Amino acid sequence: MKMLTFNEVGDALDDIAEQFPQVLFRELNGGVNLLEDTVEDPEFPGGELYIMGEFCDDCLGKYINLYYGSFVALAQKEDWMEQDWTDELWTTLSHELTHHMEGLGGLHGLDDRDAEELAEFREKYSRRKKWSQK
């Protein structure tokens, strides 16, 4: 397993962000932020589901937060190597930029897909939990 420090993840995130077309960052006035937080989905028991990042559009503006602590928790759970960090950062930033771009266009396809995937995960988790209680 390879654990990256907060600063190493910040540097990797900067490198990744520079690879995306700059037009994707249009009107993202709060930028992309790496926060130290670990964010778990409150609808699941601890350690089951982590929120890696989120696109925010609120009174502070439009910005993307990525959660270092959530990446660390998943890295420990899945025994990540350095490439896994890069892949997950790329995937998460890409996902949140898609939310941003859809928001600019008044679309919500990714929101709908996220909701469907979360519902499927809840159903699988519920079935797994019932099975393990037998």
C-alpha atoms as a PDB file:
ATOM      1  CA  MET A   1       0.000   0.000   0.000  1.00  0.00           C
ATOM      2  CA  LYS A   2       1.142   3.536  -0.759  1.00  0.00           C
ATOM      3  CA  MET A   3      -0.216   6.297   1.473  1.00  0.00           C
ATOM      4  CA  LEU A   4       0.112   9.801   0.043  1.00  0.00           C
ATOM      5  CA  THR A   5       0.338  12.870   2.247  1.00  0.00           C
ATOM      6  CA  PHE A   6      -2.081  15.769   1.971  1.00  0.00           C
ATOM      7  CA  ASN A   7       0.571  17.791   0.133  1.00  0.00           C
ATOM      8  CA  GLU A   8       1.368  14.953  -2.272  1.00  0.00           C
ATOM      9  CA  VAL A   9      -2.326  14.586  -3.100  1.00  0.00           C
ATOM     10  CA  GLY A  10      -2.589  18.363  -3.567  1.00  0.00           C
ATOM     11  CA  ASP A  11       0.328  18.312  -6.000  1.00  0.00           C
ATOM     12  CA  ALA A  12      -1.146  15.336  -7.879  1.00  0.00           C
ATOM     13  CA  LEU A  13      -4.526  17.074  -8.041  1.00  0.00           C
ATOM     14  CA  ASP A  14      -2.904  20.210  -9.468  1.00  0.00           C
ATOM     15  CA  ASP A  15      -1.169  18.118 -12.133  1.00  0.00           C
ATOM     16  CA  ILE A  16      -4.406  16.345 -13.002  1.00  0.00           C
ATOM     17  CA  ALA A  17      -6.442  19.562 -13.159  1.00  0.00           C
ATOM     18  CA  GLU A  18      -3.932  21.062 -15.599  1.00  0.00           C
ATOM     19  CA  GLN A  19      -4.659  18.186 -18.004  1.00  0.00           C
ATOM     20  CA  PHE A  20      -8.337  19.133 -18.337  1.00  0.00           C
ATOM     21  CA  PRO A  21      -9.406  21.750 -20.897  1.00  0.00           C
ATOM     22  CA  GLN A  22      -9.602  25.139 -19.173  1.00  0.00           C
ATOM     23  CA  VAL A  23     -13.114  25.724 -20.531  1.00  0.00           C
ATOM     24  CA  LEU A  24     -14.353  23.143 -18.008  1.00  0.00           C
ATOM     25  CA  PHE A  25     -13.375  25.503 -15.191  1.00  0.00           C
ATOM     26  CA  ARG A  26     -15.420  28.399 -16.607  1.00  0.00           C
ATOM     27  CA  GLU A  27     -17.547  30.020 -13.886  1.00  0.00           C
ATOM     28  CA  LEU A  28     -16.045  27.741 -11.242  1.00  0.00           C
ATOM     29  CA  ASN A  29     -15.228  30.847  -9.235  1.00  0.00           C
ATOM     30  CA  GLY A  30     -14.379  28.959  -6.037  1.00  0.00           C
ATOM     31  CA  GLY A  31     -11.988  26.622  -7.816  1.00  0.00           C
ATOM     32  CA  VAL A  32     -11.085  23.093  -6.858  1.00  0.00           C
ATOM     33  CA  ASN A  33     -10.333  22.621  -3.176  1.00  0.00           C
ATOM     34  CA  LEU A  34      -8.666  19.744  -1.386  1.00  0.00           C
ATOM     35  CA  LEU A  35      -9.958  19.539   2.178  1.00  0.00           C
ATOM     36  CA  GLU A  36      -8.615  17.303   4.941  1.00  0.00           C
ATOM     37  CA  ASP A  37     -12.081  16.000   5.862  1.00  0.00           C
ATOM     38  CA  THR A  38     -13.282  12.426   5.795  1.00  0.00           C
ATOM     39  CA  VAL A  39     -16.910  12.512   4.652  1.00  0.00           C
ATOM     40  CA  GLU A  40     -19.045   9.417   5.098  1.00  0.00           C
ATOM     41  CA  ASP A  41     -22.545   9.027   3.739  1.00  0.00           C
ATOM     42  CA  PRO A  42     -24.741   9.471   6.830  1.00  0.00           C
ATOM     43  CA  GLU A  43     -27.251   6.897   5.557  1.00  0.00           C
ATOM     44  CA  PHE A  44     -24.741   4.056   5.964  1.00  0.00           C
ATOM     45  CA  PRO A  45     -22.809   2.695   8.939  1.00  0.00           C
ATOM     46  CA  GLY A  46     -19.315   4.079   9.407  1.00  0.00           C
ATOM     47  CA  GLY A  47     -16.755   2.901   6.890  1.00  0.00           C
ATOM     48  CA  GLU A  48     -19.286   1.675   4.329  1.00  0.00           C
ATOM     49  CA  LEU A  49     -19.553   4.608   1.904  1.00  0.00           C
ATOM     50  CA  TYR A  50     -17.294   7.632   1.548  1.00  0.00           C
ATOM     51  CA  ILE A  51     -18.010  10.854  -0.298  1.00  0.00           C
ATOM     52  CA  MET A  52     -14.870  11.609  -2.292  1.00  0.00           C
ATOM     53  CA  GLY A  53     -15.897  14.993  -3.620  1.00  0.00           C
ATOM     54  CA  GLU A  54     -18.772  17.271  -4.410  1.00  0.00           C
ATOM     55  CA  PHE A  55     -19.696  20.098  -6.716  1.00  0.00           C
ATOM     56  CA  CYS A  56     -21.132  23.008  -4.751  1.00  0.00           C
ATOM     57  CA  ASP A  57     -23.265  25.837  -6.080  1.00  0.00           C
ATOM     58  CA  ASP A  58     -24.295  28.023  -3.170  1.00  0.00           C
ATOM     59  CA  CYS A  59     -23.993  31.536  -1.739  1.00  0.00           C
ATOM     60  CA  LEU A  60     -20.193  31.202  -1.844  1.00  0.00           C
ATOM     61  CA  GLY A  61     -20.211  30.504  -5.580  1.00  0.00           C
ATOM     62  CA  LYS A  62     -19.441  27.433  -7.645  1.00  0.00           C
ATOM     63  CA  TYR A  63     -16.634  25.203  -6.473  1.00  0.00           C
ATOM     64  CA  ILE A  64     -15.496  21.619  -6.141  1.00  0.00           C
ATOM     65  CA  ASN A  65     -14.366  20.075  -2.881  1.00  0.00           C
ATOM     66  CA  LEU A  66     -12.368  16.854  -2.792  1.00  0.00           C
ATOM     67  CA  TYR A  67     -11.956  15.167   0.591  1.00  0.00           C
ATOM     68  CA  TYR A  68      -8.454  13.911   1.368  1.00  0.00           C
ATOM     69  CA  GLY A  69      -9.638  11.941   4.399  1.00  0.00           C
ATOM     70  CA  SER A  70     -12.155  10.040   2.289  1.00  0.00           C
ATOM     71  CA  PHE A  71      -9.408   9.130  -0.170  1.00  0.00           C
ATOM     72  CA  VAL A  72      -7.211   7.950   2.721  1.00  0.00           C
ATOM     73  CA  ALA A  73     -10.007   5.823   4.179  1.00  0.00           C
ATOM     74  CA  LEU A  74     -10.699   4.168   0.830  1.00  0.00           C
ATOM     75  CA  ALA A  75      -6.977   3.709   0.150  1.00  0.00           C
ATOM     76  CA  GLN A  76      -6.605   1.860   3.438  1.00  0.00           C
ATOM     77  CA  LYS A  77      -9.711  -0.220   2.836  1.00  0.00           C
ATOM     78  CA  GLU A  78      -8.657  -1.178  -0.710  1.00  0.00           C
ATOM     79  CA  ASP A  79      -4.851  -1.289  -0.249  1.00  0.00           C
ATOM     80  CA  TRP A  80      -4.087   1.335  -2.913  1.00  0.00           C
ATOM     81  CA  MET A  81      -0.855   1.789  -4.783  1.00  0.00           C
ATOM     82  CA  GLU A  82       0.223   5.200  -6.117  1.00  0.00           C
ATOM     83  CA  GLN A  83      -1.548   4.698  -9.463  1.00  0.00           C
ATOM     84  CA  ASP A  84      -4.821   4.052  -7.622  1.00  0.00           C
ATOM     85  CA  TRP A  85      -4.544   7.512  -6.032  1.00  0.00           C
ATOM     86  CA  THR A  86      -4.056   9.117  -9.436  1.00  0.00           C
ATOM     87  CA  ASP A  87      -6.922   7.143 -10.963  1.00  0.00           C
ATOM     88  CA  GLU A  88      -9.339   8.005  -8.144  1.00  0.00           C
ATOM     89  CA  LEU A  89      -8.375  11.699  -8.173  1.00  0.00           C
ATOM     90  CA  TRP A  90      -8.838  11.844 -11.951  1.00  0.00           C
ATOM     91  CA  THR A  91     -12.189  10.036 -11.780  1.00  0.00           C
ATOM     92  CA  THR A  92     -13.504  12.174  -8.927  1.00  0.00           C
ATOM     93  CA  LEU A  93     -12.435  15.485 -10.454  1.00  0.00           C
ATOM     94  CA  SER A  94     -13.875  14.445 -13.821  1.00  0.00           C
ATOM     95  CA  HIS A  95     -17.143  13.477 -12.155  1.00  0.00           C
ATOM     96  CA  GLU A  96     -17.466  16.772 -10.274  1.00  0.00           C
ATOM     97  CA  LEU A  97     -16.541  18.816 -13.353  1.00  0.00           C
ATOM     98  CA  THR A  98     -19.317  16.999 -15.200  1.00  0.00           C
ATOM     99  CA  HIS A  99     -21.770  18.090 -12.498  1.00  0.00           C
ATOM    100  CA  HIS A 100     -20.496  21.656 -12.956  1.00  0.00           C
ATOM    101  CA  MET A 101     -20.848  21.615 -16.735  1.00  0.00           C
ATOM    102  CA  GLU A 102     -24.302  20.044 -16.579  1.00  0.00           C
ATOM    103  CA  GLY A 103     -25.305  22.732 -14.088  1.00  0.00           C
ATOM    104  CA  LEU A 104     -24.178  25.440 -16.503  1.00  0.00           C
ATOM    105  CA  GLY A 105     -26.306  23.846 -19.199  1.00  0.00           C
ATOM    106  CA  GLY A 106     -29.342  23.306 -16.986  1.00  0.00           C
ATOM    107  CA  LEU A 107     -28.962  19.531 -17.235  1.00  0.00           C
ATOM    108  CA  HIS A 108     -29.075  16.898 -14.514  1.00  0.00           C
ATOM    109  CA  GLY A 109     -28.266  13.561 -16.160  1.00  0.00           C
ATOM    110  CA  LEU A 110     -25.348  12.806 -13.857  1.00  0.00           C
ATOM    111  CA  ASP A 111     -27.416  13.735 -10.799  1.00  0.00           C
ATOM    112  CA  ASP A 112     -30.039  11.235 -11.949  1.00  0.00           C
ATOM    113  CA  ARG A 113     -27.427   8.546 -12.565  1.00  0.00           C
ATOM    114  CA  ASP A 114     -25.833   9.178  -9.159  1.00  0.00           C
ATOM    115  CA  ALA A 115     -29.241   8.803  -7.494  1.00  0.00           C
ATOM    116  CA  GLU A 116     -29.866   5.520  -9.346  1.00  0.00           C
ATOM    117  CA  GLU A 117     -26.453   4.129  -8.420  1.00  0.00           C
ATOM    118  CA  LEU A 118     -26.917   5.134  -4.785  1.00  0.00           C
ATOM    119  CA  ALA A 119     -30.345   3.456  -4.719  1.00  0.00           C
ATOM    120  CA  GLU A 120     -28.792   0.276  -6.168  1.00  0.00           C
ATOM    121  CA  PHE A 121     -26.000   0.394  -3.586  1.00  0.00           C
ATOM    122  CA  ARG A 122     -28.568   0.841  -0.778  1.00  0.00           C
ATOM    123  CA  GLU A 123     -30.528  -2.161  -2.072  1.00  0.00           C
ATOM    124  CA  LYS A 124     -27.414  -4.373  -2.325  1.00  0.00           C
ATOM    125  CA  TYR A 125     -26.248  -3.241   1.105  1.00  0.00           C
ATOM    126  CA  SER A 126     -29.685  -3.929   2.588  1.00  0.00           C
ATOM    127  CA  ARG A 127     -29.771  -7.437   1.079  1.00  0.00           C
ATOM    128  CA  ARG A 128     -26.198  -8.149   2.224  1.00  0.00           C
ATOM    129  CA  LYS A 129     -27.017  -6.956   5.729  1.00  0.00           C
ATOM    130  CA  LYS A 130     -30.175  -9.141   5.907  1.00  0.00           C
ATOM    131  CA  TRP A 131     -28.199 -12.138   4.600  1.00  0.00           C
ATOM    132  CA  SER A 132     -25.445 -11.691   7.200  1.00  0.00           C
ATOM    133  CA  GLN A 133     -28.033 -11.505  10.024  1.00  0.00           C
ATOM    134  CA  LYS A 134     -29.450 -14.970   9.193  1.00  0.00           C
END
